[in-house]
């Protein structure tokens, strides 16, 4: 019972940290407005760990690799802690176990990334109906635009209704089910 409680705390803390780090990475990648309150909050929350890591891990082609690496490390630590708390002998585990953990951490980062963009698209669609002048609209638009614009060129609005969020949602769910889930199950077998 104590192990479950400890894992819950770790999952919450490392999960939220991973989410904040990935948001920071994608906000920068998509060119979201930096002076927006949401962007400022994400930067403030993650600065304590990103700033020192940037001294060690440089940016590559303008991408903040240190932030992405930190999200990956957080997911690896979460997977490692889960095995350890379940009583798995991780100290004497073979190299395939660590390779599987590295792969599972990558899948977790990819899954979390898909969900970040999905929720951005869904929240943006809802806000466009309820309150299109909300400060979050600019940030959500920056996150959603790279996925919605190509679909909008293919799927034209029907009767003033933009179906591109629905198409992106369906494609993302298929990616989660047909690509990431099988990879995760194959890697889990190695544990």
C-alpha atoms as a PDB file:
ATOM      1  CA  UNK A   1       0.000   0.000   0.000  1.00  0.00           C
ATOM      2  CA  UNK A   2       2.863   2.364   0.810  1.00  0.00           C
ATOM      3  CA  UNK A   3       4.482   1.530  -2.535  1.00  0.00           C
ATOM      4  CA  UNK A   4       1.261   2.435  -4.357  1.00  0.00           C
ATOM      5  CA  UNK A   5       1.023   5.747  -2.515  1.00  0.00           C
ATOM      6  CA  UNK A   6       4.647   6.541  -3.289  1.00  0.00           C
ATOM      7  CA  UNK A   7       4.159   5.650  -6.959  1.00  0.00           C
ATOM      8  CA  UNK A   8       1.060   7.872  -7.075  1.00  0.00           C
ATOM      9  CA  UNK A   9       3.064  10.808  -5.713  1.00  0.00           C
ATOM     10  CA  UNK A  10       5.927  10.161  -8.158  1.00  0.00           C
ATOM     11  CA  UNK A  11       3.530   9.743 -11.070  1.00  0.00           C
ATOM     12  CA  UNK A  12       1.822  13.004 -10.216  1.00  0.00           C
ATOM     13  CA  UNK A  13       5.011  15.015  -9.715  1.00  0.00           C
ATOM     14  CA  UNK A  14       7.030  13.557 -12.600  1.00  0.00           C
ATOM     15  CA  UNK A  15       3.972  13.516 -14.869  1.00  0.00           C
ATOM     16  CA  UNK A  16       3.240  17.187 -14.234  1.00  0.00           C
ATOM     17  CA  UNK A  17       6.916  18.055 -14.636  1.00  0.00           C
ATOM     18  CA  UNK A  18       7.039  16.162 -17.954  1.00  0.00           C
ATOM     19  CA  UNK A  19       3.892  17.918 -19.107  1.00  0.00           C
ATOM     20  CA  UNK A  20       5.263  21.352 -18.222  1.00  0.00           C
ATOM     21  CA  UNK A  21       8.602  20.601 -19.910  1.00  0.00           C
ATOM     22  CA  UNK A  22       6.937  19.326 -23.079  1.00  0.00           C
ATOM     23  CA  UNK A  23       4.632  22.337 -23.122  1.00  0.00           C
ATOM     24  CA  UNK A  24       7.657  24.609 -22.859  1.00  0.00           C
ATOM     25  CA  UNK A  25       9.367  22.771 -25.715  1.00  0.00           C
ATOM     26  CA  UNK A  26       6.305  22.851 -27.988  1.00  0.00           C
ATOM     27  CA  UNK A  27       5.419  26.460 -27.163  1.00  0.00           C
ATOM     28  CA  UNK A  28       8.902  27.442 -28.277  1.00  0.00           C
ATOM     29  CA  UNK A  29       8.787  25.125 -31.315  1.00  0.00           C
ATOM     30  CA  UNK A  30       5.451  26.476 -32.538  1.00  0.00           C
ATOM     31  CA  UNK A  31       6.342  30.111 -31.907  1.00  0.00           C
ATOM     32  CA  UNK A  32       3.687  30.728 -29.282  1.00  0.00           C
ATOM     33  CA  UNK A  33       3.647  34.292 -27.938  1.00  0.00           C
ATOM     34  CA  UNK A  34       6.206  34.453 -25.146  1.00  0.00           C
ATOM     35  CA  UNK A  35       4.552  37.313 -23.254  1.00  0.00           C
ATOM     36  CA  UNK A  36       1.273  35.448 -22.906  1.00  0.00           C
ATOM     37  CA  UNK A  37       0.435  34.604 -19.248  1.00  0.00           C
ATOM     38  CA  UNK A  38       0.280  30.879 -20.033  1.00  0.00           C
ATOM     39  CA  UNK A  39       3.704  30.885 -21.682  1.00  0.00           C
ATOM     40  CA  UNK A  40       5.119  32.892 -18.807  1.00  0.00           C
ATOM     41  CA  UNK A  41       3.688  30.429 -16.268  1.00  0.00           C
ATOM     42  CA  UNK A  42       5.151  27.417 -18.092  1.00  0.00           C
ATOM     43  CA  UNK A  43       8.561  29.082 -18.254  1.00  0.00           C
ATOM     44  CA  UNK A  44       8.434  30.070 -14.578  1.00  0.00           C
ATOM     45  CA  UNK A  45       7.463  26.547 -13.504  1.00  0.00           C
ATOM     46  CA  UNK A  46      10.259  24.872 -15.467  1.00  0.00           C
ATOM     47  CA  UNK A  47      13.093  27.390 -15.163  1.00  0.00           C
ATOM     48  CA  UNK A  48      14.469  25.783 -11.986  1.00  0.00           C
ATOM     49  CA  UNK A  49      15.550  22.690 -13.922  1.00  0.00           C
ATOM     50  CA  UNK A  50      15.889  23.945 -17.498  1.00  0.00           C
ATOM     51  CA  UNK A  51      18.351  26.775 -16.841  1.00  0.00           C
ATOM     52  CA  UNK A  52      21.077  24.602 -15.263  1.00  0.00           C
ATOM     53  CA  UNK A  53      20.578  21.877 -17.860  1.00  0.00           C
ATOM     54  CA  UNK A  54      21.042  24.346 -20.719  1.00  0.00           C
ATOM     55  CA  UNK A  55      24.609  24.877 -19.554  1.00  0.00           C
ATOM     56  CA  UNK A  56      25.299  21.201 -20.225  1.00  0.00           C
ATOM     57  CA  UNK A  57      22.977  20.414 -23.152  1.00  0.00           C
ATOM     58  CA  UNK A  58      23.092  23.055 -25.891  1.00  0.00           C
ATOM     59  CA  UNK A  59      20.314  23.911 -28.296  1.00  0.00           C
ATOM     60  CA  UNK A  60      20.483  22.281 -31.700  1.00  0.00           C
ATOM     61  CA  UNK A  61      19.199  24.230 -34.707  1.00  0.00           C
ATOM     62  CA  UNK A  62      17.301  26.555 -32.373  1.00  0.00           C
ATOM     63  CA  UNK A  63      15.531  23.686 -30.591  1.00  0.00           C
ATOM     64  CA  UNK A  64      15.724  23.566 -26.814  1.00  0.00           C
ATOM     65  CA  UNK A  65      16.960  19.974 -26.587  1.00  0.00           C
ATOM     66  CA  UNK A  66      17.613  20.268 -22.846  1.00  0.00           C
ATOM     67  CA  UNK A  67      13.898  20.710 -22.157  1.00  0.00           C
ATOM     68  CA  UNK A  68      12.966  17.703 -24.279  1.00  0.00           C
ATOM     69  CA  UNK A  69      15.707  15.624 -22.673  1.00  0.00           C
ATOM     70  CA  UNK A  70      14.485  16.525 -19.185  1.00  0.00           C
ATOM     71  CA  UNK A  71      10.935  15.409 -20.059  1.00  0.00           C
ATOM     72  CA  UNK A  72      12.372  12.138 -21.348  1.00  0.00           C
ATOM     73  CA  UNK A  73      14.462  11.621 -18.201  1.00  0.00           C
ATOM     74  CA  UNK A  74      11.411  12.294 -16.018  1.00  0.00           C
ATOM     75  CA  UNK A  75       9.449   9.623 -17.891  1.00  0.00           C
ATOM     76  CA  UNK A  76      12.360   7.178 -17.637  1.00  0.00           C
ATOM     77  CA  UNK A  77      12.615   7.761 -13.882  1.00  0.00           C
ATOM     78  CA  UNK A  78       8.880   7.223 -13.547  1.00  0.00           C
ATOM     79  CA  UNK A  79       9.051   3.888 -15.410  1.00  0.00           C
ATOM     80  CA  UNK A  80      12.133   2.850 -13.429  1.00  0.00           C
ATOM     81  CA  UNK A  81      10.475   3.754 -10.110  1.00  0.00           C
ATOM     82  CA  UNK A  82       7.359   1.814 -11.103  1.00  0.00           C
ATOM     83  CA  UNK A  83       9.381  -1.350 -11.636  1.00  0.00           C
ATOM     84  CA  UNK A  84      11.424  -0.816  -8.490  1.00  0.00           C
ATOM     85  CA  UNK A  85       8.350  -0.217  -6.323  1.00  0.00           C
ATOM     86  CA  UNK A  86       6.729  -3.360  -7.765  1.00  0.00           C
ATOM     87  CA  UNK A  87       9.684  -5.329  -6.434  1.00  0.00           C
ATOM     88  CA  UNK A  88      11.415  -5.916  -9.752  1.00  0.00           C
ATOM     89  CA  UNK A  89      15.171  -6.436  -9.252  1.00  0.00           C
ATOM     90  CA  UNK A  90      16.251  -3.458 -11.360  1.00  0.00           C
ATOM     91  CA  UNK A  91      19.707  -3.367  -9.787  1.00  0.00           C
ATOM     92  CA  UNK A  92      20.587  -6.735 -11.347  1.00  0.00           C
ATOM     93  CA  UNK A  93      18.428  -6.442 -14.470  1.00  0.00           C
ATOM     94  CA  UNK A  94      19.837  -7.209 -17.895  1.00  0.00           C
ATOM     95  CA  UNK A  95      20.533  -4.606 -20.542  1.00  0.00           C
ATOM     96  CA  UNK A  96      17.319  -5.483 -22.375  1.00  0.00           C
ATOM     97  CA  UNK A  97      15.306  -4.287 -19.378  1.00  0.00           C
ATOM     98  CA  UNK A  98      17.004  -0.906 -19.482  1.00  0.00           C
ATOM     99  CA  UNK A  99      16.587  -0.747 -23.259  1.00  0.00           C
ATOM    100  CA  UNK A 100      12.879  -1.483 -22.792  1.00  0.00           C
ATOM    101  CA  UNK A 101      12.654   1.233 -20.126  1.00  0.00           C
ATOM    102  CA  UNK A 102      14.326   3.727 -22.474  1.00  0.00           C
ATOM    103  CA  UNK A 103      11.886   2.773 -25.228  1.00  0.00           C
ATOM    104  CA  UNK A 104       8.879   2.982 -22.921  1.00  0.00           C
ATOM    105  CA  UNK A 105       9.991   6.424 -21.765  1.00  0.00           C
ATOM    106  CA  UNK A 106      10.169   7.547 -25.406  1.00  0.00           C
ATOM    107  CA  UNK A 107       6.694   6.158 -26.087  1.00  0.00           C
ATOM    108  CA  UNK A 108       5.399   7.973 -22.997  1.00  0.00           C
ATOM    109  CA  UNK A 109       6.859  11.256 -24.238  1.00  0.00           C
ATOM    110  CA  UNK A 110       5.321  10.712 -27.669  1.00  0.00           C
ATOM    111  CA  UNK A 111       1.933   9.819 -26.190  1.00  0.00           C
ATOM    112  CA  UNK A 112       2.010  12.846 -23.921  1.00  0.00           C
ATOM    113  CA  UNK A 113       2.931  15.014 -26.917  1.00  0.00           C
ATOM    114  CA  UNK A 114      -0.036  13.725 -28.900  1.00  0.00           C
ATOM    115  CA  UNK A 115      -2.330  14.475 -25.968  1.00  0.00           C
ATOM    116  CA  UNK A 116      -0.919  17.983 -25.585  1.00  0.00           C
ATOM    117  CA  UNK A 117      -1.814  18.780 -29.179  1.00  0.00           C
ATOM    118  CA  UNK A 118      -5.179  17.022 -28.962  1.00  0.00           C
ATOM    119  CA  UNK A 119      -6.226  18.943 -25.876  1.00  0.00           C
ATOM    120  CA  UNK A 120      -4.966  22.188 -27.397  1.00  0.00           C
ATOM    121  CA  UNK A 121      -7.160  21.586 -30.446  1.00  0.00           C
ATOM    122  CA  UNK A 122     -10.207  20.609 -28.397  1.00  0.00           C
ATOM    123  CA  UNK A 123      -9.881  23.521 -25.957  1.00  0.00           C
ATOM    124  CA  UNK A 124      -9.269  25.935 -28.839  1.00  0.00           C
ATOM    125  CA  UNK A 125     -12.414  24.716 -30.602  1.00  0.00           C
ATOM    126  CA  UNK A 126     -14.500  25.122 -27.453  1.00  0.00           C
ATOM    127  CA  UNK A 127     -13.041  28.557 -26.689  1.00  0.00           C
ATOM    128  CA  UNK A 128     -13.752  29.711 -30.246  1.00  0.00           C
ATOM    129  CA  UNK A 129     -17.444  29.190 -29.533  1.00  0.00           C
ATOM    130  CA  UNK A 130     -17.532  30.440 -25.938  1.00  0.00           C
ATOM    131  CA  UNK A 131     -14.884  33.137 -25.589  1.00  0.00           C
ATOM    132  CA  UNK A 132     -12.696  33.707 -28.663  1.00  0.00           C
ATOM    133  CA  UNK A 133     -10.860  36.616 -26.987  1.00  0.00           C
ATOM    134  CA  UNK A 134      -9.493  34.585 -24.084  1.00  0.00           C
ATOM    135  CA  UNK A 135      -5.708  35.034 -23.543  1.00  0.00           C
ATOM    136  CA  UNK A 136      -5.269  31.265 -23.935  1.00  0.00           C
ATOM    137  CA  UNK A 137      -6.550  31.443 -27.514  1.00  0.00           C
ATOM    138  CA  UNK A 138      -3.236  32.716 -28.917  1.00  0.00           C
ATOM    139  CA  UNK A 139      -1.221  29.961 -27.252  1.00  0.00           C
ATOM    140  CA  UNK A 140      -3.685  27.247 -28.234  1.00  0.00           C
ATOM    141  CA  UNK A 141      -3.778  28.548 -31.795  1.00  0.00           C
ATOM    142  CA  UNK A 142       0.020  28.368 -31.971  1.00  0.00           C
ATOM    143  CA  UNK A 143      -0.050  24.754 -30.786  1.00  0.00           C
ATOM    144  CA  UNK A 144      -2.935  23.681 -33.024  1.00  0.00           C
ATOM    145  CA  UNK A 145      -2.054  25.529 -36.229  1.00  0.00           C
ATOM    146  CA  UNK A 146       0.691  23.133 -37.458  1.00  0.00           C
ATOM    147  CA  UNK A 147      -1.826  20.279 -37.422  1.00  0.00           C
ATOM    148  CA  UNK A 148      -5.010  22.067 -38.415  1.00  0.00           C
ATOM    149  CA  UNK A 149      -3.729  24.121 -41.373  1.00  0.00           C
ATOM    150  CA  UNK A 150      -2.706  21.145 -43.569  1.00  0.00           C
ATOM    151  CA  UNK A 151      -6.043  19.455 -42.844  1.00  0.00           C
ATOM    152  CA  UNK A 152      -7.944  22.676 -43.574  1.00  0.00           C
ATOM    153  CA  UNK A 153      -6.394  22.732 -47.044  1.00  0.00           C
ATOM    154  CA  UNK A 154      -7.779  19.240 -47.677  1.00  0.00           C
ATOM    155  CA  UNK A 155     -11.098  19.434 -45.815  1.00  0.00           C
ATOM    156  CA  UNK A 156     -12.954  22.644 -46.586  1.00  0.00           C
ATOM    157  CA  UNK A 157     -15.531  23.995 -44.086  1.00  0.00           C
ATOM    158  CA  UNK A 158     -19.020  22.641 -44.680  1.00  0.00           C
ATOM    159  CA  UNK A 159     -21.747  25.164 -44.123  1.00  0.00           C
ATOM    160  CA  UNK A 160     -19.433  27.311 -42.012  1.00  0.00           C
ATOM    161  CA  UNK A 161     -18.467  24.341 -39.823  1.00  0.00           C
ATOM    162  CA  UNK A 162     -14.742  23.596 -39.615  1.00  0.00           C
ATOM    163  CA  UNK A 163     -14.287  19.810 -39.488  1.00  0.00           C
ATOM    164  CA  UNK A 164     -10.488  19.898 -39.359  1.00  0.00           C
ATOM    165  CA  UNK A 165     -10.331  19.448 -35.537  1.00  0.00           C
ATOM    166  CA  UNK A 166     -12.434  16.297 -35.876  1.00  0.00           C
ATOM    167  CA  UNK A 167     -10.174  14.903 -38.609  1.00  0.00           C
ATOM    168  CA  UNK A 168      -7.026  15.637 -36.570  1.00  0.00           C
ATOM    169  CA  UNK A 169      -8.631  14.058 -33.504  1.00  0.00           C
ATOM    170  CA  UNK A 170      -9.442  10.860 -35.424  1.00  0.00           C
ATOM    171  CA  UNK A 171      -5.953  10.633 -36.945  1.00  0.00           C
ATOM    172  CA  UNK A 172      -4.319  11.220 -33.545  1.00  0.00           C
ATOM    173  CA  UNK A 173      -6.430   8.510 -31.938  1.00  0.00           C
ATOM    174  CA  UNK A 174      -5.441   6.119 -34.727  1.00  0.00           C
ATOM    175  CA  UNK A 175      -1.762   6.956 -34.155  1.00  0.00           C
ATOM    176  CA  UNK A 176      -2.198   6.252 -30.455  1.00  0.00           C
ATOM    177  CA  UNK A 177      -3.975   2.941 -31.081  1.00  0.00           C
ATOM    178  CA  UNK A 178      -2.162   1.611 -34.149  1.00  0.00           C
ATOM    179  CA  UNK A 179       1.379   2.917 -33.646  1.00  0.00           C
ATOM    180  CA  UNK A 180       2.162   3.752 -30.030  1.00  0.00           C
ATOM    181  CA  UNK A 181       0.083   1.079 -28.263  1.00  0.00           C
ATOM    182  CA  UNK A 182       1.671  -1.867 -30.161  1.00  0.00           C
ATOM    183  CA  UNK A 183       5.171  -0.483 -29.591  1.00  0.00           C
ATOM    184  CA  UNK A 184       4.439  -0.077 -25.897  1.00  0.00           C
ATOM    185  CA  UNK A 185       3.059  -3.614 -25.598  1.00  0.00           C
ATOM    186  CA  UNK A 186       6.108  -5.063 -27.383  1.00  0.00           C
ATOM    187  CA  UNK A 187       8.476  -3.186 -25.089  1.00  0.00           C
ATOM    188  CA  UNK A 188       6.490  -4.198 -22.002  1.00  0.00           C
ATOM    189  CA  UNK A 189       6.995  -7.870 -22.907  1.00  0.00           C
ATOM    190  CA  UNK A 190      10.743  -7.356 -22.412  1.00  0.00           C
ATOM    191  CA  UNK A 191      10.219  -6.454 -18.771  1.00  0.00           C
END
